Amino acid sequence: MAYQKLQASRLLAVVQSDTINVPDVSHRTAQGSATATTADKLVDSGALFSANGLVQVNDIVYNTTDSTVARVTAIDSDTTLSISANIMANTEAYKIYRDENNGCVLYVGGLGDVNVITAGGDDVTLKAVPAGSFIPVQVLRVKDTLTTATDIVAMW
């Protein structure tokens, strides 16, 4: 009897958000560390954000130091981005991704509910997902509201 294998080649620890999708890791455009703390800005003196369209408005910024997420709202200069939330402080690491995701499968490390937006546009809460489970549904977003499960990882 045939069976489906789950063989992911890329993984990303999910940062839950009611408004921002999980970015596909294959669409990373920049990474580095902030060199200043400015409200609602990402400042990196070594970056080239505006070079050749490297970063674009609506790209997704993951603060990988404290697992927070924001969206790029403006490209101020080669070294400064305006972002939708005050998530960056001096020396915190970041990765920037395009908002492109055709759907990912989730691994849930800690027991709880998982509220998702599916690739088909459905908003659904999966109740009491056991720790160590895979969710075999193409997911675009893991919402912060109503999600109580922990250690969620996106897989492509």
Foldseek 3Di string as FASTA:
>chain_A
DDDDDDDFDDKDFDQAAPPAWDFDVVFWLDKDAAAAQDFQKGFDPPFQCPPPPSDDFQWKKAQPQVGDIWTFHADPGRGMTGTDGRDHHHGTIIIIGGLDFQFWKKFFQFWAKWFFQFSVGDTDIDGGDHHGDIHPTGTTGTHPPRTDTDRMMTGD
